[in-house]
């Protein structure tokens, strides 16, 4: 039953791409989001690695994953428009807090995906600051693009985590 959630996430990413295209009709520069921190990530997704801690780490890990994906769902569903800076900033802070808790619970698993998500979140934070410094349609489009990149990083992390936490792929908890 993981397919509906993946389709939902794919639709979200597609919708964000359409939003980005609609908002950035005047700027058509390709986004080169291959900014890695210079250091190669030696650990790829650890789906084949055995769990390092065994009592019931999946429960805590999956709880953290569910909280993170619910928070990311809220962030990536924001309608990017004038006056949304405070909401985006608050959601971004919440996601970063939940990502830190998830990374702690993951004990080194999914380093490549979490690093990509952190990078996308940092870029989004930067674009929101730019929006504040010089509000414009172009700045709004950049924020929308950055949110789309967060959506892609989220999809990649979700795909990796769903092998250990099937509930994470079911759908973010409809808490609201």
N, C-alpha and C. Protein backbone atom coordinates (compact mmCIF):
# COMPACT_ATOMS: atom_id res chain seq x y z
N UNK A 1 0.81 -1.20 0.00
CA UNK A 1 0.00 0.00 0.00
C UNK A 1 0.85 1.26 0.00
N UNK A 2 2.08 1.11 -0.38
CA UNK A 2 2.96 2.28 -0.41
C UNK A 2 2.82 3.05 -1.71
N UNK A 3 2.23 2.46 -2.71
CA UNK A 3 2.11 3.14 -4.00
C UNK A 3 1.25 4.40 -3.93
N UNK A 4 0.08 4.39 -3.25
CA UNK A 4 -0.71 5.63 -3.21
C UNK A 4 0.07 6.78 -2.60
N UNK A 5 0.84 6.51 -1.58
CA UNK A 5 1.60 7.58 -0.95
C UNK A 5 2.67 8.10 -1.90
N UNK A 6 3.31 7.21 -2.60
CA UNK A 6 4.33 7.65 -3.56
C UNK A 6 3.70 8.46 -4.68
N UNK A 7 2.53 8.04 -5.12
CA UNK A 7 1.85 8.81 -6.16
C UNK A 7 1.45 10.18 -5.63
N UNK A 8 1.02 10.21 -4.37
CA UNK A 8 0.64 11.49 -3.77
C UNK A 8 1.84 12.42 -3.69
N UNK A 9 2.98 11.87 -3.29
CA UNK A 9 4.19 12.67 -3.20
C UNK A 9 4.65 13.10 -4.58
N UNK A 10 4.54 12.20 -5.56
CA UNK A 10 4.92 12.55 -6.93
C UNK A 10 4.02 13.67 -7.45
N UNK A 11 2.73 13.59 -7.13
CA UNK A 11 1.81 14.65 -7.53
C UNK A 11 2.16 15.96 -6.86
N UNK A 12 2.57 15.90 -5.59
CA UNK A 12 2.99 17.09 -4.87
C UNK A 12 4.19 17.72 -5.55
N UNK A 13 5.18 16.92 -5.86
CA UNK A 13 6.39 17.43 -6.51
C UNK A 13 6.03 18.00 -7.88
N UNK A 14 5.17 17.30 -8.61
CA UNK A 14 4.74 17.81 -9.91
C UNK A 14 3.99 19.13 -9.78
N UNK A 15 3.13 19.21 -8.79
CA UNK A 15 2.41 20.46 -8.54
C UNK A 15 3.34 21.60 -8.20
N UNK A 16 4.34 21.30 -7.39
CA UNK A 16 5.33 22.32 -7.06
C UNK A 16 6.10 22.75 -8.29
N UNK A 17 6.40 21.80 -9.16
CA UNK A 17 7.11 22.14 -10.40
C UNK A 17 6.25 23.06 -11.26
N UNK A 18 4.95 22.76 -11.35
CA UNK A 18 4.05 23.62 -12.11
C UNK A 18 3.94 25.00 -11.48
N UNK A 19 3.88 25.05 -10.15
CA UNK A 19 3.83 26.33 -9.45
C UNK A 19 5.09 27.11 -9.74
N UNK A 20 6.22 26.44 -9.70
CA UNK A 20 7.49 27.08 -9.98
C UNK A 20 7.51 27.62 -11.40
N UNK A 21 7.05 26.82 -12.34
CA UNK A 21 7.04 27.26 -13.73
C UNK A 21 6.11 28.45 -13.91
N UNK A 22 4.98 28.41 -13.25
CA UNK A 22 4.03 29.52 -13.37
C UNK A 22 4.57 30.79 -12.74
N UNK A 23 5.27 30.66 -11.63
CA UNK A 23 5.80 31.83 -10.94
C UNK A 23 7.06 32.37 -11.61
N UNK A 24 7.77 31.54 -12.33
CA UNK A 24 9.04 31.99 -12.87
C UNK A 24 9.04 32.04 -14.38
N UNK A 25 7.94 32.49 -14.96
CA UNK A 25 7.86 32.51 -16.40
C UNK A 25 8.88 33.46 -17.01
N UNK A 26 9.33 34.45 -16.25
CA UNK A 26 10.30 35.39 -16.79
C UNK A 26 11.73 34.94 -16.57
N UNK A 27 11.97 34.09 -15.59
CA UNK A 27 13.34 33.63 -15.37
C UNK A 27 13.44 32.17 -15.74
N UNK A 28 14.29 31.87 -16.70
CA UNK A 28 14.39 30.49 -17.14
C UNK A 28 15.81 29.97 -17.00
N UNK A 29 16.50 30.41 -15.95
CA UNK A 29 17.84 29.89 -15.75
C UNK A 29 17.76 28.55 -15.05
N UNK A 30 18.51 27.58 -15.53
CA UNK A 30 18.43 26.25 -14.91
C UNK A 30 19.02 26.27 -13.52
N UNK A 31 18.35 25.61 -12.62
CA UNK A 31 18.83 25.56 -11.24
C UNK A 31 19.85 24.45 -11.13
N UNK A 32 21.05 24.79 -10.79
CA UNK A 32 22.06 23.74 -10.63
C UNK A 32 22.15 23.43 -9.16
N UNK A 33 21.40 22.42 -8.76
CA UNK A 33 21.34 22.09 -7.35
C UNK A 33 22.27 20.94 -7.01
N UNK A 34 23.39 20.89 -7.69
CA UNK A 34 24.34 19.83 -7.37
C UNK A 34 25.42 20.36 -6.44
N UNK A 35 24.99 21.14 -5.47
CA UNK A 35 25.94 21.67 -4.51
C UNK A 35 26.12 20.68 -3.38
N UNK A 36 27.22 20.02 -3.42
CA UNK A 36 27.54 19.13 -2.32
C UNK A 36 28.57 19.84 -1.48
N UNK A 37 28.73 19.43 -0.29
CA UNK A 37 29.61 20.13 0.62
C UNK A 37 31.07 19.82 0.36
N UNK A 38 31.39 19.28 -0.77
CA UNK A 38 32.78 19.00 -1.11
C UNK A 38 33.23 17.63 -0.65
N UNK A 39 32.77 17.20 0.49
CA UNK A 39 33.17 15.90 1.02
C UNK A 39 32.21 14.85 0.50
N UNK A 40 32.73 13.82 -0.14
CA UNK A 40 31.82 12.78 -0.62
C UNK A 40 31.19 12.04 0.54
N UNK A 41 29.96 11.67 0.36
CA UNK A 41 29.27 10.94 1.40
C UNK A 41 29.55 9.46 1.21
N UNK A 42 30.42 8.90 2.08
CA UNK A 42 30.81 7.51 1.88
C UNK A 42 29.68 6.53 2.10
N UNK A 43 28.68 6.87 2.89
CA UNK A 43 27.61 5.92 3.11
C UNK A 43 26.44 6.27 2.25
N UNK A 44 26.12 5.39 1.38
CA UNK A 44 24.91 5.51 0.58
C UNK A 44 23.77 5.06 1.47
N UNK A 45 22.57 4.98 0.94
CA UNK A 45 21.47 4.52 1.77
C UNK A 45 21.81 3.18 2.40
N UNK A 46 21.54 3.05 3.67
CA UNK A 46 21.92 1.86 4.40
C UNK A 46 20.82 0.83 4.43
N UNK A 47 20.10 0.68 3.33
CA UNK A 47 19.00 -0.27 3.34
C UNK A 47 19.49 -1.71 3.44
N UNK A 48 20.73 -1.98 3.00
CA UNK A 48 21.22 -3.34 3.09
C UNK A 48 22.03 -3.58 4.36
N UNK A 49 22.32 -2.52 5.10
CA UNK A 49 23.10 -2.67 6.33
C UNK A 49 22.18 -3.13 7.45
N UNK A 50 22.68 -3.99 8.32
CA UNK A 50 21.85 -4.44 9.44
C UNK A 50 21.65 -3.31 10.44
N UNK A 51 20.58 -3.39 11.17
CA UNK A 51 20.30 -2.37 12.18
C UNK A 51 21.37 -2.43 13.26
N UNK A 52 21.82 -1.25 13.72
CA UNK A 52 22.88 -1.23 14.71
C UNK A 52 22.35 -1.42 16.12
N UNK A 53 21.20 -0.89 16.40
CA UNK A 53 20.61 -1.08 17.73
C UNK A 53 19.35 -1.91 17.54
N UNK A 54 19.08 -2.81 18.46
CA UNK A 54 18.01 -3.73 18.17
C UNK A 54 16.83 -3.77 19.11
N UNK A 55 16.64 -3.23 20.19
CA UNK A 55 15.47 -3.52 21.02
C UNK A 55 14.19 -3.16 20.30
N UNK A 56 13.83 -1.92 20.22
CA UNK A 56 12.70 -1.53 19.38
C UNK A 56 13.00 -0.18 18.78
N UNK A 57 14.15 -0.07 18.12
CA UNK A 57 14.53 1.21 17.55
C UNK A 57 13.63 1.61 16.40
N UNK A 58 13.04 0.62 15.72
CA UNK A 58 12.17 0.95 14.61
C UNK A 58 11.00 1.80 15.05
N UNK A 59 10.46 1.52 16.22
CA UNK A 59 9.33 2.28 16.71
C UNK A 59 9.70 3.75 16.88
N UNK A 60 10.79 4.02 17.58
CA UNK A 60 11.22 5.41 17.79
C UNK A 60 11.62 6.04 16.46
N UNK A 61 12.34 5.30 15.65
CA UNK A 61 12.78 5.80 14.35
C UNK A 61 11.57 6.14 13.48
N UNK A 62 10.61 5.23 13.43
CA UNK A 62 9.43 5.45 12.60
C UNK A 62 8.57 6.60 13.13
N UNK A 63 8.51 6.74 14.45
CA UNK A 63 7.79 7.88 15.01
C UNK A 63 8.43 9.19 14.58
N UNK A 64 9.77 9.24 14.64
CA UNK A 64 10.49 10.44 14.21
C UNK A 64 10.29 10.67 12.71
N UNK A 65 10.31 9.59 11.93
CA UNK A 65 10.09 9.71 10.49
C UNK A 65 8.70 10.25 10.20
N UNK A 66 7.69 9.71 10.88
CA UNK A 66 6.32 10.18 10.68
C UNK A 66 6.20 11.67 11.01
N UNK A 67 6.80 12.08 12.13
CA UNK A 67 6.75 13.49 12.52
C UNK A 67 7.46 14.37 11.49
N UNK A 68 8.61 13.91 11.01
CA UNK A 68 9.35 14.67 10.01
C UNK A 68 8.56 14.80 8.72
N UNK A 69 8.00 13.70 8.24
CA UNK A 69 7.28 13.76 6.97
C UNK A 69 5.99 14.57 7.08
N UNK A 70 5.34 14.55 8.23
CA UNK A 70 4.16 15.40 8.42
C UNK A 70 4.55 16.87 8.37
N UNK A 71 5.67 17.19 9.00
CA UNK A 71 6.16 18.57 9.00
C UNK A 71 6.58 19.00 7.59
N UNK A 72 7.25 18.10 6.87
CA UNK A 72 7.65 18.40 5.49
C UNK A 72 6.43 18.55 4.60
N UNK A 73 5.40 17.75 4.84
CA UNK A 73 4.17 17.85 4.07
C UNK A 73 3.56 19.24 4.22
N UNK A 74 3.56 19.74 5.46
CA UNK A 74 3.02 21.07 5.70
C UNK A 74 3.86 22.13 5.00
N UNK A 75 5.18 22.01 5.08
CA UNK A 75 6.07 23.00 4.44
C UNK A 75 5.91 22.99 2.93
N UNK A 76 5.84 21.83 2.33
CA UNK A 76 5.79 21.76 0.87
C UNK A 76 4.41 22.04 0.30
N UNK A 77 3.40 22.15 1.16
CA UNK A 77 2.06 22.50 0.69
C UNK A 77 1.73 23.98 0.86
N UNK A 78 2.71 24.76 1.20
CA UNK A 78 2.48 26.20 1.36
C UNK A 78 2.28 26.83 -0.01
N UNK A 79 1.31 27.70 -0.10
CA UNK A 79 1.12 28.46 -1.33
C UNK A 79 2.05 29.65 -1.26
N UNK A 80 3.02 29.69 -2.15
CA UNK A 80 4.02 30.75 -2.13
C UNK A 80 3.40 32.01 -2.71
N UNK A 81 3.26 32.98 -1.85
CA UNK A 81 2.70 34.27 -2.25
C UNK A 81 3.19 35.33 -1.30
N UNK A 82 2.94 36.57 -1.66
CA UNK A 82 3.38 37.69 -0.84
C UNK A 82 2.78 37.56 0.56
N UNK A 83 3.60 37.82 1.58
CA UNK A 83 3.14 37.76 2.95
C UNK A 83 3.27 36.41 3.62
N UNK A 84 3.86 35.42 2.94
CA UNK A 84 3.96 34.08 3.50
C UNK A 84 5.30 33.81 4.19
N UNK A 85 6.18 34.79 4.25
CA UNK A 85 7.51 34.60 4.80
C UNK A 85 7.47 34.04 6.21
N UNK A 86 6.65 34.60 7.08
CA UNK A 86 6.62 34.13 8.47
C UNK A 86 6.15 32.68 8.59
N UNK A 87 5.15 32.31 7.80
CA UNK A 87 4.66 30.93 7.85
C UNK A 87 5.72 29.96 7.32
N UNK A 88 6.36 30.34 6.23
CA UNK A 88 7.41 29.48 5.67
C UNK A 88 8.56 29.35 6.66
N UNK A 89 8.95 30.46 7.29
CA UNK A 89 10.05 30.44 8.26
C UNK A 89 9.70 29.55 9.46
N UNK A 90 8.48 29.67 9.96
CA UNK A 90 8.06 28.84 11.10
C UNK A 90 8.04 27.35 10.71
N UNK A 91 7.49 27.04 9.54
CA UNK A 91 7.45 25.65 9.08
C UNK A 91 8.87 25.11 8.86
N UNK A 92 9.73 25.96 8.34
CA UNK A 92 11.12 25.56 8.09
C UNK A 92 11.84 25.25 9.40
N UNK A 93 11.61 26.06 10.42
CA UNK A 93 12.21 25.82 11.74
C UNK A 93 11.70 24.49 12.31
N UNK A 94 10.41 24.24 12.16
CA UNK A 94 9.82 22.99 12.65
C UNK A 94 10.43 21.78 11.93
N UNK A 95 10.59 21.88 10.61
CA UNK A 95 11.16 20.78 9.84
C UNK A 95 12.60 20.52 10.27
N UNK A 96 13.37 21.58 10.45
CA UNK A 96 14.77 21.40 10.85
C UNK A 96 14.87 20.72 12.21
N UNK A 97 14.01 21.09 13.14
CA UNK A 97 13.99 20.46 14.46
C UNK A 97 13.67 18.97 14.34
N UNK A 98 12.66 18.66 13.54
CA UNK A 98 12.25 17.27 13.38
C UNK A 98 13.29 16.47 12.59
N UNK A 99 13.97 17.12 11.66
CA UNK A 99 15.02 16.43 10.91
C UNK A 99 16.18 16.08 11.83
N UNK A 100 16.53 16.97 12.72
CA UNK A 100 17.61 16.69 13.69
C UNK A 100 17.24 15.49 14.56
N UNK A 101 16.00 15.46 15.04
CA UNK A 101 15.55 14.32 15.86
C UNK A 101 15.56 13.03 15.05
N UNK A 102 15.14 13.10 13.79
CA UNK A 102 15.14 11.92 12.93
C UNK A 102 16.56 11.41 12.69
N UNK A 103 17.48 12.33 12.38
CA UNK A 103 18.88 11.93 12.13
C UNK A 103 19.47 11.26 13.37
N UNK A 104 19.16 11.81 14.55
CA UNK A 104 19.63 11.20 15.80
C UNK A 104 19.08 9.78 15.95
N UNK A 105 17.80 9.60 15.66
CA UNK A 105 17.18 8.28 15.80
C UNK A 105 17.66 7.31 14.72
N UNK A 106 18.08 7.83 13.57
CA UNK A 106 18.50 6.98 12.46
C UNK A 106 19.91 6.41 12.65
N UNK A 107 20.67 6.96 13.55
CA UNK A 107 22.01 6.45 13.86
C UNK A 107 22.86 6.22 12.60
N UNK A 108 22.92 7.23 11.74
CA UNK A 108 23.80 7.14 10.58
C UNK A 108 23.19 6.55 9.33
N UNK A 109 21.95 6.11 9.40
CA UNK A 109 21.29 5.58 8.21
C UNK A 109 20.85 6.72 7.32
N UNK A 110 20.80 6.48 6.05
CA UNK A 110 20.29 7.42 5.06
C UNK A 110 21.02 8.77 5.06
N UNK A 111 22.33 8.72 5.26
CA UNK A 111 23.11 9.96 5.33
C UNK A 111 23.04 10.76 4.04
N UNK A 112 23.09 10.10 2.91
CA UNK A 112 23.05 10.82 1.63
C UNK A 112 21.71 11.57 1.48
N UNK A 113 20.62 10.90 1.83
CA UNK A 113 19.30 11.52 1.69
C UNK A 113 19.09 12.64 2.70
N UNK A 114 19.52 12.42 3.95
CA UNK A 114 19.33 13.48 4.94
C UNK A 114 20.23 14.67 4.64
N UNK A 115 21.42 14.42 4.11
CA UNK A 115 22.31 15.53 3.73
C UNK A 115 21.70 16.34 2.59
N UNK A 116 21.10 15.65 1.62
CA UNK A 116 20.45 16.34 0.51
C UNK A 116 19.27 17.17 1.00
N UNK A 117 18.51 16.62 1.94
CA UNK A 117 17.39 17.37 2.50
C UNK A 117 17.88 18.58 3.28
N UNK A 118 18.92 18.41 4.08
CA UNK A 118 19.49 19.55 4.82
C UNK A 118 19.94 20.64 3.86
N UNK A 119 20.58 20.23 2.78
CA UNK A 119 21.05 21.20 1.79
C UNK A 119 19.87 21.95 1.16
N UNK A 120 18.82 21.22 0.81
CA UNK A 120 17.63 21.85 0.22
C UNK A 120 16.97 22.80 1.21
N UNK A 121 16.94 22.42 2.49
CA UNK A 121 16.35 23.29 3.51
C UNK A 121 17.19 24.56 3.71
N UNK A 122 18.50 24.40 3.66
CA UNK A 122 19.39 25.56 3.79
C UNK A 122 19.19 26.51 2.62
N UNK A 123 19.04 25.94 1.42
CA UNK A 123 18.79 26.78 0.25
C UNK A 123 17.45 27.51 0.38
N UNK A 124 16.44 26.81 0.86
CA UNK A 124 15.13 27.43 1.05
C UNK A 124 15.24 28.58 2.06
N UNK A 125 15.94 28.33 3.15
CA UNK A 125 16.12 29.37 4.16
C UNK A 125 16.80 30.60 3.56
N UNK A 126 17.79 30.38 2.75
CA UNK A 126 18.51 31.47 2.08
C UNK A 126 17.58 32.24 1.14
N UNK A 127 16.77 31.51 0.37
CA UNK A 127 15.84 32.16 -0.56
C UNK A 127 14.78 32.97 0.18
N UNK A 128 14.34 32.48 1.34
CA UNK A 128 13.37 33.23 2.15
C UNK A 128 14.01 34.52 2.65
N UNK A 129 15.28 34.45 3.07
CA UNK A 129 15.98 35.66 3.50
C UNK A 129 16.12 36.65 2.34
N UNK A 130 16.43 36.14 1.14
CA UNK A 130 16.52 37.00 -0.04
C UNK A 130 15.17 37.65 -0.34
N UNK A 131 14.12 36.90 -0.15
CA UNK A 131 12.77 37.43 -0.37
C UNK A 131 12.50 38.59 0.57
N UNK A 132 12.95 38.45 1.82
CA UNK A 132 12.75 39.50 2.80
C UNK A 132 13.58 40.74 2.44
N UNK A 133 14.81 40.51 2.00
CA UNK A 133 15.70 41.61 1.67
C UNK A 133 15.23 42.38 0.44
N UNK A 134 14.76 41.68 -0.57
CA UNK A 134 14.29 42.36 -1.78
C UNK A 134 13.10 41.61 -2.37
N UNK A 135 11.91 41.91 -1.85
CA UNK A 135 10.71 41.23 -2.33
C UNK A 135 10.46 41.51 -3.81
N UNK A 136 10.23 40.46 -4.56
CA UNK A 136 9.94 40.59 -5.99
C UNK A 136 9.33 39.29 -6.48
N UNK A 137 8.82 39.33 -7.69
CA UNK A 137 8.26 38.13 -8.29
C UNK A 137 9.37 37.10 -8.47
N UNK A 138 10.56 37.56 -8.86
CA UNK A 138 11.69 36.65 -9.03
C UNK A 138 12.07 35.98 -7.72
N UNK A 139 12.03 36.75 -6.62
CA UNK A 139 12.36 36.18 -5.31
C UNK A 139 11.30 35.16 -4.89
N UNK A 140 10.03 35.45 -5.18
CA UNK A 140 8.97 34.48 -4.90
C UNK A 140 9.18 33.21 -5.71
N UNK A 141 9.56 33.36 -6.95
CA UNK A 141 9.81 32.19 -7.80
C UNK A 141 10.97 31.37 -7.26
N UNK A 142 11.99 32.04 -6.76
CA UNK A 142 13.14 31.32 -6.19
C UNK A 142 12.73 30.54 -4.96
N UNK A 143 11.85 31.11 -4.15
CA UNK A 143 11.35 30.40 -2.97
C UNK A 143 10.55 29.18 -3.42
N UNK A 144 9.70 29.35 -4.43
CA UNK A 144 8.91 28.23 -4.94
C UNK A 144 9.82 27.13 -5.48
N UNK A 145 10.88 27.51 -6.19
CA UNK A 145 11.83 26.53 -6.71
C UNK A 145 12.50 25.78 -5.56
N UNK A 146 12.91 26.53 -4.54
CA UNK A 146 13.57 25.90 -3.38
C UNK A 146 12.63 24.95 -2.66
N UNK A 147 11.35 25.30 -2.56
CA UNK A 147 10.37 24.40 -1.95
C UNK A 147 10.24 23.14 -2.80
N UNK A 148 10.28 23.29 -4.12
CA UNK A 148 10.24 22.12 -5.01
C UNK A 148 11.44 21.21 -4.78
N UNK A 149 12.61 21.79 -4.55
CA UNK A 149 13.81 21.00 -4.28
C UNK A 149 13.69 20.28 -2.93
N UNK A 150 13.06 20.93 -1.96
CA UNK A 150 12.80 20.26 -0.68
C UNK A 150 11.86 19.07 -0.92
N UNK A 151 10.87 19.26 -1.77
CA UNK A 151 9.94 18.18 -2.10
C UNK A 151 10.64 16.98 -2.73
N UNK A 152 11.59 17.25 -3.63
CA UNK A 152 12.33 16.16 -4.27
C UNK A 152 13.20 15.44 -3.25
N UNK A 153 13.89 16.21 -2.40
CA UNK A 153 14.73 15.59 -1.36
C UNK A 153 13.87 14.78 -0.39
N UNK A 154 12.68 15.28 -0.11
CA UNK A 154 11.74 14.56 0.76
C UNK A 154 11.33 13.25 0.12
N UNK A 155 11.02 13.29 -1.17
CA UNK A 155 10.61 12.08 -1.88
C UNK A 155 11.73 11.04 -1.84
N UNK A 156 12.97 11.46 -2.03
CA UNK A 156 14.09 10.52 -2.01
C UNK A 156 14.29 9.92 -0.62
N UNK A 157 14.17 10.74 0.42
CA UNK A 157 14.29 10.23 1.78
C UNK A 157 13.13 9.30 2.11
N UNK A 158 11.94 9.68 1.72
CA UNK A 158 10.76 8.84 1.97
C UNK A 158 10.91 7.47 1.32
N UNK A 159 11.41 7.45 0.09
CA UNK A 159 11.60 6.17 -0.60
C UNK A 159 12.58 5.28 0.17
N UNK A 160 13.64 5.88 0.70
CA UNK A 160 14.63 5.10 1.44
C UNK A 160 14.10 4.64 2.79
N UNK A 161 13.44 5.54 3.51
CA UNK A 161 12.96 5.23 4.85
C UNK A 161 11.80 4.24 4.83
N UNK A 162 11.00 4.25 3.79
CA UNK A 162 9.82 3.39 3.74
C UNK A 162 10.19 1.91 3.77
N UNK A 163 11.45 1.57 3.46
CA UNK A 163 11.84 0.17 3.56
C UNK A 163 11.90 -0.30 5.01
N UNK A 164 12.19 0.62 5.93
CA UNK A 164 12.23 0.29 7.37
C UNK A 164 10.97 0.71 8.10
N UNK A 165 10.33 1.74 7.62
CA UNK A 165 9.13 2.28 8.28
C UNK A 165 8.01 2.38 7.25
N UNK A 166 7.31 1.29 7.00
CA UNK A 166 6.24 1.32 6.01
C UNK A 166 5.18 2.38 6.29
N UNK A 167 4.98 2.71 7.55
CA UNK A 167 3.96 3.73 7.86
C UNK A 167 4.36 5.09 7.32
N UNK A 168 5.65 5.33 7.16
CA UNK A 168 6.11 6.61 6.62
C UNK A 168 5.69 6.77 5.17
N UNK A 169 5.53 5.66 4.46
CA UNK A 169 5.16 5.75 3.07
C UNK A 169 3.64 5.73 2.88
N UNK A 170 2.92 5.36 3.93
CA UNK A 170 1.47 5.28 3.81
C UNK A 170 0.88 6.63 3.50
N UNK A 171 1.25 7.63 4.23
CA UNK A 171 0.92 9.03 3.99
C UNK A 171 1.19 9.77 5.27
N UNK A 172 1.59 11.03 5.15
CA UNK A 172 1.77 11.80 6.38
C UNK A 172 0.46 11.86 7.13
N UNK A 173 0.54 11.78 8.45
CA UNK A 173 -0.67 11.75 9.26
C UNK A 173 -1.55 12.95 8.99
N UNK A 174 -2.79 12.71 8.66
CA UNK A 174 -3.70 13.83 8.41
C UNK A 174 -4.12 14.45 9.73
N UNK A 175 -3.22 15.16 10.36
CA UNK A 175 -3.50 15.72 11.68
C UNK A 175 -3.96 17.15 11.54
N UNK A 176 -5.12 17.34 11.11
CA UNK A 176 -5.54 18.72 11.10
C UNK A 176 -6.75 18.84 10.33
